[in-house]
Amino acid sequence: MKLLRTALVAVAAGFLFQQIGMFLPWLLGPMIALLLLRQFTEMEFYWPKVFRAIGLVLLGIMIGASFTRESVLLMWVDLPYMLFMTVSVIIAALLFGLLFSRMANESLQTSLLGSMPGGLSQMVLISEEVDNANVTVVSVMQTFRIFLVVTIVPLLTTFFVGREASQIATETAFSFSPPAFLVAVALGIFAYLLMKKFSFPAKELLAPVLVMAIVQSVTGTTLIEMPEILVILAQLLVGAHLGLQMEKLRENMSMRLAFAIVVNNVLLIAFTVFIAYILAALLPEYLFLDFFLSAAPGGMAEMGITALAAGADVALITSFHLFRLFFILLLAAPLVAYMLKKLDAKTGN
């Protein structure tokens, strides 16, 4: 019964948002409707984790299909810009974390880990290892940022110029190759199991993206073309999960904390606009929209959906987000955690 209720609400909200002309209706509709009903009513909802996994796999396939041999080769050319953007966004996030600490009267450890754009589960796990970090506040900060970024960024993209549908279709001409498809399936399963062993985040999304990028760049073929109904299904599955992910958000959110989180994220989004402007000026062959979505402090799944709908360069944006994900997980997050632990030791906590 709870599953059926959740599905009906998600479909109805997506349909309503589509009718009123909302951007990304099948993602934002279920997310906002379920979030509000979960916070302000006694209704119970249920969305199996396997639904989220299916949605992420579909999104991974869609995003992976945008990679061509040329776009993969361009990644190496763009590495200096990826490093510049990633380091700039991380430094800005940490500086805004210092401001958040003053505004919300939270510890430095809590504020920095909550402001770090490294993903909800990763930052919560790190905060559990840092003595002066409030795990609940870090979780609330990361969760609320997902909501703010997924609502604000897609709406902002409607004011920026994207590519026409005809241009996108030309860039990703479909030519199915059964042998290449079978190789990709086998490699995808192997990549997923390997990521699962090392507890990698969003492995259902990353495995198909990485495998399709590799196979399509090697073979020069496009492995699959996703029908529109599956695109809608993917958005709905992920949108419902995001709405229900913010459980008990209202209970843990004071007005002071909410205001500080909103200011923190609006400043970070504004900074990504500034960084995107700099890179668009340096590289006029790309659109400002490409760099804005590349810099935006949202997850790769949400920004990938937005890029597909807005007519942005999906391969470029995914490449930037992949670089940032690996940079944060392998270097920035461990370094920040180490420094915070040293700070704990110095203060005697």
C-alpha atoms as a PDB file:
ATOM      1  CA  MET A   1       0.000   0.000   0.000  1.00  0.00           C
ATOM      2  CA  LYS A   2       2.784   2.470   0.918  1.00  0.00           C
ATOM      3  CA  LEU A   3       4.644   1.624  -2.302  1.00  0.00           C
ATOM      4  CA  LEU A   4       1.531   2.144  -4.423  1.00  0.00           C
ATOM      5  CA  ARG A   5       0.799   5.471  -2.674  1.00  0.00           C
ATOM      6  CA  THR A   6       4.371   6.637  -3.307  1.00  0.00           C
ATOM      7  CA  ALA A   7       4.234   5.649  -6.979  1.00  0.00           C
ATOM      8  CA  LEU A   8       0.870   7.389  -7.513  1.00  0.00           C
ATOM      9  CA  VAL A   9       2.092  10.603  -5.862  1.00  0.00           C
ATOM     10  CA  ALA A  10       5.318  10.538  -7.922  1.00  0.00           C
ATOM     11  CA  VAL A  11       3.517   9.986 -11.238  1.00  0.00           C
ATOM     12  CA  ALA A  12       0.805  12.547 -10.467  1.00  0.00           C
ATOM     13  CA  ALA A  13       3.343  15.188  -9.415  1.00  0.00           C
ATOM     14  CA  GLY A  14       5.500  14.545 -12.486  1.00  0.00           C
ATOM     15  CA  PHE A  15       2.465  14.818 -14.775  1.00  0.00           C
ATOM     16  CA  LEU A  16       1.313  18.035 -13.057  1.00  0.00           C
ATOM     17  CA  PHE A  17       4.763  19.633 -13.337  1.00  0.00           C
ATOM     18  CA  GLN A  18       4.884  18.653 -17.008  1.00  0.00           C
ATOM     19  CA  GLN A  19       1.477  20.232 -17.679  1.00  0.00           C
ATOM     20  CA  ILE A  20       2.480  23.555 -16.107  1.00  0.00           C
ATOM     21  CA  GLY A  21       5.707  23.609 -18.145  1.00  0.00           C
ATOM     22  CA  MET A  22       8.164  23.076 -15.289  1.00  0.00           C
ATOM     23  CA  PHE A  23      11.779  22.238 -16.210  1.00  0.00           C
ATOM     24  CA  LEU A  24      12.686  18.585 -15.427  1.00  0.00           C
ATOM     25  CA  PRO A  25       9.089  17.782 -14.381  1.00  0.00           C
ATOM     26  CA  TRP A  26       9.611  14.055 -13.780  1.00  0.00           C
ATOM     27  CA  LEU A  27      12.550  14.705 -11.440  1.00  0.00           C
ATOM     28  CA  LEU A  28      11.419  17.830  -9.568  1.00  0.00           C
ATOM     29  CA  GLY A  29       7.732  16.892  -9.373  1.00  0.00           C
ATOM     30  CA  PRO A  30       8.134  13.634  -7.400  1.00  0.00           C
ATOM     31  CA  MET A  31      10.964  15.105  -5.329  1.00  0.00           C
ATOM     32  CA  ILE A  32       9.097  18.221  -4.171  1.00  0.00           C
ATOM     33  CA  ALA A  33       5.726  16.481  -3.687  1.00  0.00           C
ATOM     34  CA  LEU A  34       7.125  13.634  -1.590  1.00  0.00           C
ATOM     35  CA  LEU A  35       9.368  15.970   0.373  1.00  0.00           C
ATOM     36  CA  LEU A  36       6.428  18.196   1.363  1.00  0.00           C
ATOM     37  CA  LEU A  37       4.072  15.304   2.128  1.00  0.00           C
ATOM     38  CA  ARG A  38       6.753  13.569   4.188  1.00  0.00           C
ATOM     39  CA  GLN A  39       7.460  16.696   6.241  1.00  0.00           C
ATOM     40  CA  PHE A  40       3.952  18.092   6.754  1.00  0.00           C
ATOM     41  CA  THR A  41       1.640  15.050   6.843  1.00  0.00           C
ATOM     42  CA  GLU A  42       1.436  11.750   8.691  1.00  0.00           C
ATOM     43  CA  MET A  43       1.284   9.778   5.435  1.00  0.00           C
ATOM     44  CA  GLU A  44       3.750   6.928   5.131  1.00  0.00           C
ATOM     45  CA  PHE A  45       5.738   6.266   1.963  1.00  0.00           C
ATOM     46  CA  TYR A  46       8.065   3.552   0.743  1.00  0.00           C
ATOM     47  CA  TRP A  47      10.507   3.481  -2.184  1.00  0.00           C
ATOM     48  CA  PRO A  48      12.741   0.385  -2.489  1.00  0.00           C
ATOM     49  CA  LYS A  49      16.472   0.943  -2.878  1.00  0.00           C
ATOM     50  CA  VAL A  50      16.384  -1.204  -6.014  1.00  0.00           C
ATOM     51  CA  PHE A  51      14.212   1.473  -7.704  1.00  0.00           C
ATOM     52  CA  ARG A  52      16.896   4.076  -7.054  1.00  0.00           C
ATOM     53  CA  ALA A  53      19.520   1.655  -8.382  1.00  0.00           C
ATOM     54  CA  ILE A  54      17.515   1.079 -11.576  1.00  0.00           C
ATOM     55  CA  GLY A  55      17.111   4.834 -12.048  1.00  0.00           C
ATOM     56  CA  LEU A  56      20.840   5.420 -11.597  1.00  0.00           C
ATOM     57  CA  VAL A  57      21.723   2.629 -14.052  1.00  0.00           C
ATOM     58  CA  LEU A  58      19.399   4.141 -16.674  1.00  0.00           C
ATOM     59  CA  LEU A  59      20.910   7.571 -16.089  1.00  0.00           C
ATOM     60  CA  GLY A  60      24.403   6.102 -16.289  1.00  0.00           C
ATOM     61  CA  ILE A  61      23.582   4.565 -19.658  1.00  0.00           C
ATOM     62  CA  MET A  62      22.110   7.840 -20.939  1.00  0.00           C
ATOM     63  CA  ILE A  63      25.093   9.856 -19.761  1.00  0.00           C
ATOM     64  CA  GLY A  64      27.576   7.246 -21.002  1.00  0.00           C
ATOM     65  CA  ALA A  65      25.961   7.273 -24.445  1.00  0.00           C
ATOM     66  CA  SER A  66      27.005  10.934 -24.834  1.00  0.00           C
ATOM     67  CA  PHE A  67      30.712  10.017 -24.847  1.00  0.00           C
ATOM     68  CA  THR A  68      32.480   9.734 -28.192  1.00  0.00           C
ATOM     69  CA  ARG A  69      36.109   9.110 -29.099  1.00  0.00           C
ATOM     70  CA  GLU A  70      36.543  12.854 -29.633  1.00  0.00           C
ATOM     71  CA  SER A  71      35.008  13.827 -26.272  1.00  0.00           C
ATOM     72  CA  VAL A  72      37.202  11.348 -24.382  1.00  0.00           C
ATOM     73  CA  LEU A  73      40.327  12.696 -26.083  1.00  0.00           C
ATOM     74  CA  LEU A  74      39.231  16.240 -25.200  1.00  0.00           C
ATOM     75  CA  MET A  75      39.179  15.237 -21.519  1.00  0.00           C
ATOM     76  CA  TRP A  76      42.990  15.155 -21.512  1.00  0.00           C
ATOM     77  CA  VAL A  77      43.110  18.620 -23.048  1.00  0.00           C
ATOM     78  CA  ASP A  78      40.663  19.903 -20.425  1.00  0.00           C
ATOM     79  CA  LEU A  79      42.497  18.447 -17.395  1.00  0.00           C
ATOM     80  CA  PRO A  80      44.099  21.785 -16.357  1.00  0.00           C
ATOM     81  CA  TYR A  81      40.670  23.448 -16.444  1.00  0.00           C
ATOM     82  CA  MET A  82      39.159  20.557 -14.463  1.00  0.00           C
ATOM     83  CA  LEU A  83      41.834  20.991 -11.805  1.00  0.00           C
ATOM     84  CA  PHE A  84      41.333  24.778 -11.711  1.00  0.00           C
ATOM     85  CA  MET A  85      37.559  24.470 -11.381  1.00  0.00           C
ATOM     86  CA  THR A  86      37.674  21.671  -8.802  1.00  0.00           C
ATOM     87  CA  VAL A  87      40.240  23.344  -6.528  1.00  0.00           C
ATOM     88  CA  SER A  88      38.434  26.704  -6.809  1.00  0.00           C
ATOM     89  CA  VAL A  89      35.039  25.218  -5.877  1.00  0.00           C
ATOM     90  CA  ILE A  90      36.498  23.249  -2.946  1.00  0.00           C
ATOM     91  CA  ILE A  91      38.351  26.305  -1.573  1.00  0.00           C
ATOM     92  CA  ALA A  92      35.209  28.431  -1.937  1.00  0.00           C
ATOM     93  CA  ALA A  93      33.100  25.764  -0.193  1.00  0.00           C
ATOM     94  CA  LEU A  94      35.535  25.644   2.736  1.00  0.00           C
ATOM     95  CA  LEU A  95      35.625  29.457   3.009  1.00  0.00           C
ATOM     96  CA  PHE A  96      31.825  29.575   3.003  1.00  0.00           C
ATOM     97  CA  GLY A  97      31.993  26.853   5.655  1.00  0.00           C
ATOM     98  CA  LEU A  98      33.896  29.290   7.891  1.00  0.00           C
ATOM     99  CA  LEU A  99      31.121  31.841   7.369  1.00  0.00           C
ATOM    100  CA  PHE A 100      28.527  29.152   8.129  1.00  0.00           C
ATOM    101  CA  SER A 101      30.286  28.375  11.415  1.00  0.00           C
ATOM    102  CA  ARG A 102      29.787  31.998  12.510  1.00  0.00           C
ATOM    103  CA  MET A 103      26.200  32.225  11.272  1.00  0.00           C
ATOM    104  CA  ALA A 104      24.935  28.930  12.697  1.00  0.00           C
ATOM    105  CA  ASN A 105      27.187  28.866  15.784  1.00  0.00           C
ATOM    106  CA  GLU A 106      28.405  25.379  14.864  1.00  0.00           C
ATOM    107  CA  SER A 107      31.882  23.913  15.318  1.00  0.00           C
ATOM    108  CA  LEU A 108      34.477  24.427  12.601  1.00  0.00           C
ATOM    109  CA  GLN A 109      34.604  20.656  12.063  1.00  0.00           C
ATOM    110  CA  THR A 110      30.852  20.441  11.482  1.00  0.00           C
ATOM    111  CA  SER A 111      30.764  23.490   9.218  1.00  0.00           C
ATOM    112  CA  LEU A 112      33.617  22.426   6.931  1.00  0.00           C
ATOM    113  CA  LEU A 113      32.426  18.835   6.504  1.00  0.00           C
ATOM    114  CA  GLY A 114      28.848  19.987   5.923  1.00  0.00           C
ATOM    115  CA  SER A 115      29.980  22.514   3.309  1.00  0.00           C
ATOM    116  CA  MET A 116      32.289  20.135   1.426  1.00  0.00           C
ATOM    117  CA  PRO A 117      30.708  19.115  -1.926  1.00  0.00           C
ATOM    118  CA  GLY A 118      31.732  15.470  -1.609  1.00  0.00           C
ATOM    119  CA  GLY A 119      28.432  13.659  -1.281  1.00  0.00           C
ATOM    120  CA  LEU A 120      26.106  12.922   1.626  1.00  0.00           C
ATOM    121  CA  SER A 121      27.233   9.429   2.602  1.00  0.00           C
ATOM    122  CA  GLN A 122      30.966  10.179   2.300  1.00  0.00           C
ATOM    123  CA  MET A 123      30.860  13.354   4.421  1.00  0.00           C
ATOM    124  CA  VAL A 124      28.671  11.700   7.082  1.00  0.00           C
ATOM    125  CA  LEU A 125      31.106   8.779   7.342  1.00  0.00           C
ATOM    126  CA  ILE A 126      34.052  11.157   7.714  1.00  0.00           C
ATOM    127  CA  SER A 127      32.202  13.260  10.296  1.00  0.00           C
ATOM    128  CA  GLU A 128      31.679  10.152  12.431  1.00  0.00           C
ATOM    129  CA  GLU A 129      35.462   9.892  12.760  1.00  0.00           C
ATOM    130  CA  VAL A 130      35.975  13.555  13.758  1.00  0.00           C
ATOM    131  CA  ASP A 131      35.258  14.163  17.465  1.00  0.00           C
ATOM    132  CA  ASN A 132      33.958  17.735  17.306  1.00  0.00           C
ATOM    133  CA  ALA A 133      31.769  17.171  14.242  1.00  0.00           C
ATOM    134  CA  ASN A 134      27.988  17.004  14.713  1.00  0.00           C
ATOM    135  CA  VAL A 135      26.944  14.123  12.451  1.00  0.00           C
ATOM    136  CA  THR A 136      23.280  15.175  12.442  1.00  0.00           C
ATOM    137  CA  VAL A 137      24.040  18.741  11.316  1.00  0.00           C
ATOM    138  CA  VAL A 138      26.494  17.508   8.646  1.00  0.00           C
ATOM    139  CA  SER A 139      23.776  15.173   7.341  1.00  0.00           C
ATOM    140  CA  VAL A 140      21.173  17.965   7.342  1.00  0.00           C
ATOM    141  CA  MET A 141      23.553  20.377   5.567  1.00  0.00           C
ATOM    142  CA  GLN A 142      24.424  17.857   2.849  1.00  0.00           C
ATOM    143  CA  THR A 143      20.804  16.746   2.419  1.00  0.00           C
ATOM    144  CA  PHE A 144      19.396  20.279   2.237  1.00  0.00           C
ATOM    145  CA  ARG A 145      22.096  21.258  -0.266  1.00  0.00           C
ATOM    146  CA  ILE A 146      20.927  18.450  -2.562  1.00  0.00           C
ATOM    147  CA  PHE A 147      17.410  19.919  -2.451  1.00  0.00           C
ATOM    148  CA  LEU A 148      18.591  23.501  -3.040  1.00  0.00           C
ATOM    149  CA  VAL A 149      20.980  22.644  -5.880  1.00  0.00           C
ATOM    150  CA  VAL A 150      18.525  20.315  -7.629  1.00  0.00           C
ATOM    151  CA  THR A 151      15.831  23.016  -7.549  1.00  0.00           C
ATOM    152  CA  ILE A 152      17.882  26.190  -8.119  1.00  0.00           C
ATOM    153  CA  VAL A 153      20.411  25.033 -10.747  1.00  0.00           C
ATOM    154  CA  PRO A 154      17.908  23.529 -13.249  1.00  0.00           C
ATOM    155  CA  LEU A 155      15.762  26.672 -12.997  1.00  0.00           C
ATOM    156  CA  LEU A 156      18.810  28.873 -13.656  1.00  0.00           C
ATOM    157  CA  THR A 157      19.707  26.868 -16.768  1.00  0.00           C
ATOM    158  CA  THR A 158      16.464  27.995 -18.423  1.00  0.00           C
ATOM    159  CA  PHE A 159      18.026  31.483 -18.693  1.00  0.00           C
ATOM    160  CA  PHE A 160      21.168  30.202 -20.445  1.00  0.00           C
ATOM    161  CA  VAL A 161      21.553  29.208 -24.086  1.00  0.00           C
ATOM    162  CA  GLY A 162      21.892  25.474 -24.798  1.00  0.00           C
ATOM    163  CA  ARG A 163      22.257  23.462 -27.965  1.00  0.00           C
ATOM    164  CA  GLU A 164      19.396  22.726 -30.314  1.00  0.00           C
ATOM    165  CA  ALA A 165      18.075  19.154 -30.386  1.00  0.00           C
ATOM    166  CA  SER A 166      19.344  18.760 -33.969  1.00  0.00           C
ATOM    167  CA  GLN A 167      22.895  19.585 -32.879  1.00  0.00           C
ATOM    168  CA  ILE A 168      22.784  17.036 -30.069  1.00  0.00           C
ATOM    169  CA  ALA A 169      21.400  14.327 -32.333  1.00  0.00           C
ATOM    170  CA  THR A 170      24.208  14.909 -34.831  1.00  0.00           C
ATOM    171  CA  GLU A 171      26.862  14.614 -32.137  1.00  0.00           C
ATOM    172  CA  THR A 172      25.525  11.285 -30.891  1.00  0.00           C
ATOM    173  CA  ALA A 173      24.484   9.454 -34.060  1.00  0.00           C
ATOM    174  CA  PHE A 174      23.303   5.942 -33.187  1.00  0.00           C
ATOM    175  CA  SER A 175      24.999   2.892 -34.719  1.00  0.00           C
ATOM    176  CA  PHE A 176      24.392  -0.287 -32.691  1.00  0.00           C
ATOM    177  CA  SER A 177      27.163  -2.920 -32.448  1.00  0.00           C
ATOM    178  CA  PRO A 178      26.143  -6.215 -30.736  1.00  0.00           C
ATOM    179  CA  PRO A 179      29.738  -7.371 -29.943  1.00  0.00           C
ATOM    180  CA  ALA A 180      30.625  -4.007 -28.413  1.00  0.00           C
ATOM    181  CA  PHE A 181      27.357  -4.032 -26.446  1.00  0.00           C
ATOM    182  CA  LEU A 182      28.099  -7.480 -24.962  1.00  0.00           C
ATOM    183  CA  VAL A 183      31.629  -6.397 -24.026  1.00  0.00           C
ATOM    184  CA  ALA A 184      30.204  -3.306 -22.321  1.00  0.00           C
ATOM    185  CA  VAL A 185      27.704  -5.409 -20.320  1.00  0.00           C
ATOM    186  CA  ALA A 186      30.470  -7.729 -19.097  1.00  0.00           C
ATOM    187  CA  LEU A 187      32.791  -4.838 -18.242  1.00  0.00           C
ATOM    188  CA  GLY A 188      29.933  -2.988 -16.550  1.00  0.00           C
ATOM    189  CA  ILE A 189      29.196  -5.915 -14.227  1.00  0.00           C
ATOM    190  CA  PHE A 190      32.892  -6.248 -13.415  1.00  0.00           C
ATOM    191  CA  ALA A 191      33.238  -2.496 -12.760  1.00  0.00           C
ATOM    192  CA  TYR A 192      30.174  -2.508 -10.515  1.00  0.00           C
ATOM    193  CA  LEU A 193      31.433  -5.445  -8.428  1.00  0.00           C
ATOM    194  CA  LEU A 194      34.863  -3.816  -8.127  1.00  0.00           C
ATOM    195  CA  MET A 195      33.359  -0.495  -6.992  1.00  0.00           C
ATOM    196  CA  LYS A 196      31.099  -2.337  -4.559  1.00  0.00           C
ATOM    197  CA  LYS A 197      34.117  -4.081  -3.012  1.00  0.00           C
ATOM    198  CA  PHE A 198      35.774  -0.714  -2.358  1.00  0.00           C
ATOM    199  CA  SER A 199      32.496   0.936  -1.200  1.00  0.00           C
ATOM    200  CA  PHE A 200      32.539   3.510  -3.991  1.00  0.00           C
ATOM    201  CA  PRO A 201      29.649   6.014  -4.073  1.00  0.00           C
ATOM    202  CA  ALA A 202      26.918   5.893  -6.749  1.00  0.00           C
ATOM    203  CA  LYS A 203      28.453   2.782  -8.323  1.00  0.00           C
ATOM    204  CA  GLU A 204      25.195   2.050 -10.199  1.00  0.00           C
ATOM    205  CA  LEU A 205      25.702   5.355 -12.026  1.00  0.00           C
ATOM    206  CA  LEU A 206      29.484   5.397 -12.376  1.00  0.00           C
ATOM    207  CA  ALA A 207      29.929   1.851 -13.709  1.00  0.00           C
ATOM    208  CA  PRO A 208      27.829   2.317 -16.893  1.00  0.00           C
ATOM    209  CA  VAL A 209      29.198   5.849 -17.456  1.00  0.00           C
ATOM    210  CA  LEU A 210      32.845   4.758 -17.295  1.00  0.00           C
ATOM    211  CA  VAL A 211      32.344   1.530 -19.257  1.00  0.00           C
ATOM    212  CA  MET A 212      30.345   3.137 -22.058  1.00  0.00           C
ATOM    213  CA  ALA A 213      32.833   6.000 -22.316  1.00  0.00           C
ATOM    214  CA  ILE A 214      35.697   3.509 -22.673  1.00  0.00           C
ATOM    215  CA  VAL A 215      33.981   1.101 -25.103  1.00  0.00           C
ATOM    216  CA  GLN A 216      32.465   3.829 -27.290  1.00  0.00           C
ATOM    217  CA  SER A 217      35.761   5.718 -27.512  1.00  0.00           C
ATOM    218  CA  VAL A 218      37.610   2.522 -28.495  1.00  0.00           C
ATOM    219  CA  THR A 219      35.044   1.185 -30.992  1.00  0.00           C
ATOM    220  CA  GLY A 220      33.761   4.503 -32.319  1.00  0.00           C
ATOM    221  CA  THR A 221      30.136   3.278 -32.037  1.00  0.00           C
ATOM    222  CA  THR A 222      27.193   4.327 -29.879  1.00  0.00           C
ATOM    223  CA  LEU A 223      26.090   1.315 -27.855  1.00  0.00           C
ATOM    224  CA  ILE A 224      22.479   2.177 -27.114  1.00  0.00           C
ATOM    225  CA  GLU A 225      19.813   4.802 -27.744  1.00  0.00           C
ATOM    226  CA  MET A 226      17.435   5.370 -24.841  1.00  0.00           C
ATOM    227  CA  PRO A 227      13.703   5.743 -25.661  1.00  0.00           C
ATOM    228  CA  GLU A 228      11.902   8.733 -24.123  1.00  0.00           C
ATOM    229  CA  ILE A 229       9.802   6.604 -21.779  1.00  0.00           C
ATOM    230  CA  LEU A 230      12.956   5.263 -20.078  1.00  0.00           C
ATOM    231  CA  VAL A 231      14.301   8.806 -19.723  1.00  0.00           C
ATOM    232  CA  ILE A 232      11.092   9.740 -17.880  1.00  0.00           C
ATOM    233  CA  LEU A 233      11.243   6.567 -15.779  1.00  0.00           C
ATOM    234  CA  ALA A 234      14.833   7.278 -14.742  1.00  0.00           C
ATOM    235  CA  GLN A 235      13.943  10.808 -13.616  1.00  0.00           C
ATOM    236  CA  LEU A 236      10.903   9.576 -11.694  1.00  0.00           C
ATOM    237  CA  LEU A 237      12.803   6.797  -9.898  1.00  0.00           C
ATOM    238  CA  VAL A 238      15.593   9.148  -8.813  1.00  0.00           C
ATOM    239  CA  GLY A 239      13.264  12.062  -8.014  1.00  0.00           C
ATOM    240  CA  ALA A 240      11.104   9.971  -5.661  1.00  0.00           C
ATOM    241  CA  HIS A 241      14.225   8.729  -3.885  1.00  0.00           C
ATOM    242  CA  LEU A 242      15.535  12.284  -3.399  1.00  0.00           C
ATOM    243  CA  GLY A 243      12.223  13.444  -1.949  1.00  0.00           C
ATOM    244  CA  LEU A 244      12.086  10.617   0.582  1.00  0.00           C
ATOM    245  CA  GLN A 245      15.797  10.869   1.407  1.00  0.00           C
ATOM    246  CA  MET A 246      15.152  14.027   3.391  1.00  0.00           C
ATOM    247  CA  GLU A 247      13.441  12.183   6.241  1.00  0.00           C
ATOM    248  CA  LYS A 248      12.943  14.137   9.484  1.00  0.00           C
ATOM    249  CA  LEU A 249      14.548  17.202   7.907  1.00  0.00           C
ATOM    250  CA  ARG A 250      12.040  19.494   9.592  1.00  0.00           C
ATOM    251  CA  GLU A 251      12.707  18.007  13.055  1.00  0.00           C
ATOM    252  CA  ASN A 252      16.451  18.732  12.860  1.00  0.00           C
ATOM    253  CA  MET A 253      16.183  22.150  11.195  1.00  0.00           C
ATOM    254  CA  SER A 254      16.020  25.394  13.175  1.00  0.00           C
ATOM    255  CA  MET A 255      15.370  28.745  11.487  1.00  0.00           C
ATOM    256  CA  ARG A 256      18.937  29.853  12.189  1.00  0.00           C
ATOM    257  CA  LEU A 257      20.392  26.663  10.723  1.00  0.00           C
ATOM    258  CA  ALA A 258      18.102  26.786   7.686  1.00  0.00           C
ATOM    259  CA  PHE A 259      19.024  30.413   6.953  1.00  0.00           C
ATOM    260  CA  ALA A 260      22.747  29.671   7.282  1.00  0.00           C
ATOM    261  CA  ILE A 261      22.476  26.664   4.939  1.00  0.00           C
ATOM    262  CA  VAL A 262      20.553  28.665   2.331  1.00  0.00           C
ATOM    263  CA  VAL A 263      23.122  31.501   2.426  1.00  0.00           C
ATOM    264  CA  ASN A 264      25.989  28.976   2.272  1.00  0.00           C
ATOM    265  CA  ASN A 265      24.615  27.280  -0.833  1.00  0.00           C
ATOM    266  CA  VAL A 266      23.435  30.393  -2.638  1.00  0.00           C
ATOM    267  CA  LEU A 267      26.940  31.850  -2.244  1.00  0.00           C
ATOM    268  CA  LEU A 268      28.483  28.617  -3.544  1.00  0.00           C
ATOM    269  CA  ILE A 269      26.150  28.518  -6.547  1.00  0.00           C
ATOM    270  CA  ALA A 270      26.941  32.196  -7.247  1.00  0.00           C
ATOM    271  CA  PHE A 271      30.644  31.369  -7.090  1.00  0.00           C
ATOM    272  CA  THR A 272      30.184  28.567  -9.645  1.00  0.00           C
ATOM    273  CA  VAL A 273      28.565  31.137 -11.951  1.00  0.00           C
ATOM    274  CA  PHE A 274      31.698  33.291 -11.571  1.00  0.00           C
ATOM    275  CA  ILE A 275      34.041  30.345 -12.285  1.00  0.00           C
ATOM    276  CA  ALA A 276      31.937  29.351 -15.293  1.00  0.00           C
ATOM    277  CA  TYR A 277      32.170  32.912 -16.623  1.00  0.00           C
ATOM    278  CA  ILE A 278      35.985  32.834 -16.372  1.00  0.00           C
ATOM    279  CA  LEU A 279      36.286  29.484 -18.175  1.00  0.00           C
ATOM    280  CA  ALA A 280      33.751  30.458 -20.848  1.00  0.00           C
ATOM    281  CA  ALA A 281      35.842  33.572 -21.546  1.00  0.00           C
ATOM    282  CA  LEU A 282      39.023  31.465 -21.786  1.00  0.00           C
ATOM    283  CA  LEU A 283      37.379  28.764 -23.942  1.00  0.00           C
ATOM    284  CA  PRO A 284      34.803  30.417 -26.223  1.00  0.00           C
ATOM    285  CA  GLU A 285      34.249  27.164 -28.135  1.00  0.00           C
ATOM    286  CA  TYR A 286      32.247  25.916 -25.139  1.00  0.00           C
ATOM    287  CA  LEU A 287      28.971  27.329 -23.838  1.00  0.00           C
ATOM    288  CA  PHE A 288      28.707  29.142 -20.503  1.00  0.00           C
ATOM    289  CA  LEU A 289      25.996  26.582 -19.658  1.00  0.00           C
ATOM    290  CA  ASP A 290      28.534  23.739 -20.026  1.00  0.00           C
ATOM    291  CA  PHE A 291      30.853  25.203 -17.411  1.00  0.00           C
ATOM    292  CA  PHE A 292      28.047  26.279 -15.075  1.00  0.00           C
ATOM    293  CA  LEU A 293      26.691  22.725 -14.849  1.00  0.00           C
ATOM    294  CA  SER A 294      30.252  21.381 -14.598  1.00  0.00           C
ATOM    295  CA  ALA A 295      30.964  23.594 -11.591  1.00  0.00           C
ATOM    296  CA  ALA A 296      27.553  23.293  -9.892  1.00  0.00           C
ATOM    297  CA  PRO A 297      27.839  21.617  -6.450  1.00  0.00           C
ATOM    298  CA  GLY A 298      25.264  18.925  -7.239  1.00  0.00           C
ATOM    299  CA  GLY A 299      25.637  15.218  -7.853  1.00  0.00           C
ATOM    300  CA  MET A 300      26.615  13.832 -11.238  1.00  0.00           C
ATOM    301  CA  ALA A 301      23.209  12.163 -11.661  1.00  0.00           C
ATOM    302  CA  GLU A 302      21.220  15.356 -11.087  1.00  0.00           C
ATOM    303  CA  MET A 303      23.544  17.530 -13.182  1.00  0.00           C
ATOM    304  CA  GLY A 304      23.594  14.868 -15.904  1.00  0.00           C
ATOM    305  CA  ILE A 305      19.786  14.919 -16.126  1.00  0.00           C
ATOM    306  CA  THR A 306      19.834  18.716 -16.223  1.00  0.00           C
ATOM    307  CA  ALA A 307      22.485  18.723 -18.952  1.00  0.00           C
ATOM    308  CA  LEU A 308      20.475  16.293 -21.094  1.00  0.00           C
ATOM    309  CA  ALA A 309      17.358  18.445 -20.795  1.00  0.00           C
ATOM    310  CA  ALA A 310      19.108  21.821 -21.229  1.00  0.00           C
ATOM    311  CA  GLY A 311      21.116  20.962 -24.344  1.00  0.00           C
ATOM    312  CA  ALA A 312      24.513  21.156 -22.642  1.00  0.00           C
ATOM    313  CA  ASP A 313      27.625  19.091 -23.424  1.00  0.00           C
ATOM    314  CA  VAL A 314      26.840  16.014 -21.306  1.00  0.00           C
ATOM    315  CA  ALA A 315      30.225  14.358 -21.874  1.00  0.00           C
ATOM    316  CA  LEU A 316      32.135  17.487 -20.849  1.00  0.00           C
ATOM    317  CA  ILE A 317      29.998  18.041 -17.740  1.00  0.00           C
ATOM    318  CA  THR A 318      30.265  14.394 -16.702  1.00  0.00           C
ATOM    319  CA  SER A 319      34.041  14.510 -17.165  1.00  0.00           C
ATOM    320  CA  PHE A 320      34.340  17.527 -14.852  1.00  0.00           C
ATOM    321  CA  HIS A 321      32.119  15.899 -12.225  1.00  0.00           C
ATOM    322  CA  LEU A 322      34.028  12.614 -12.422  1.00  0.00           C
ATOM    323  CA  PHE A 323      37.301  14.466 -11.924  1.00  0.00           C
ATOM    324  CA  ARG A 324      35.882  16.374  -8.946  1.00  0.00           C
ATOM    325  CA  LEU A 325      34.461  13.199  -7.414  1.00  0.00           C
ATOM    326  CA  PHE A 326      37.781  11.358  -7.573  1.00  0.00           C
ATOM    327  CA  PHE A 327      39.727  14.439  -6.453  1.00  0.00           C
ATOM    328  CA  ILE A 328      37.521  14.930  -3.390  1.00  0.00           C
ATOM    329  CA  LEU A 329      37.303  11.258  -2.417  1.00  0.00           C
ATOM    330  CA  LEU A 330      40.986  10.469  -2.916  1.00  0.00           C
ATOM    331  CA  LEU A 331      42.653  13.738  -1.890  1.00  0.00           C
ATOM    332  CA  ALA A 332      40.575  16.649  -0.580  1.00  0.00           C
ATOM    333  CA  ALA A 333      38.241  14.834   1.854  1.00  0.00           C
ATOM    334  CA  PRO A 334      40.980  12.716   3.502  1.00  0.00           C
ATOM    335  CA  LEU A 335      43.198  15.830   3.791  1.00  0.00           C
ATOM    336  CA  VAL A 336      40.431  17.913   5.397  1.00  0.00           C
ATOM    337  CA  ALA A 337      39.550  15.032   7.763  1.00  0.00           C
ATOM    338  CA  TYR A 338      43.219  14.701   8.766  1.00  0.00           C
ATOM    339  CA  MET A 339      43.513  18.437   9.469  1.00  0.00           C
ATOM    340  CA  LEU A 340      40.312  18.428  11.530  1.00  0.00           C
ATOM    341  CA  LYS A 341      41.516  15.466  13.572  1.00  0.00           C
ATOM    342  CA  LYS A 342      44.778  17.310  14.243  1.00  0.00           C
ATOM    343  CA  LEU A 343      42.708  20.320  15.320  1.00  0.00           C
ATOM    344  CA  ASP A 344      40.749  18.053  17.707  1.00  0.00           C
ATOM    345  CA  ALA A 345      44.005  16.776  19.179  1.00  0.00           C
ATOM    346  CA  LYS A 346      45.357  20.313  19.706  1.00  0.00           C
ATOM    347  CA  THR A 347      42.187  21.491  21.447  1.00  0.00           C
ATOM    348  CA  GLY A 348      42.236  18.413  23.694  1.00  0.00           C
ATOM    349  CA  ASN A 349      38.935  16.929  22.428  1.00  0.00           C
END
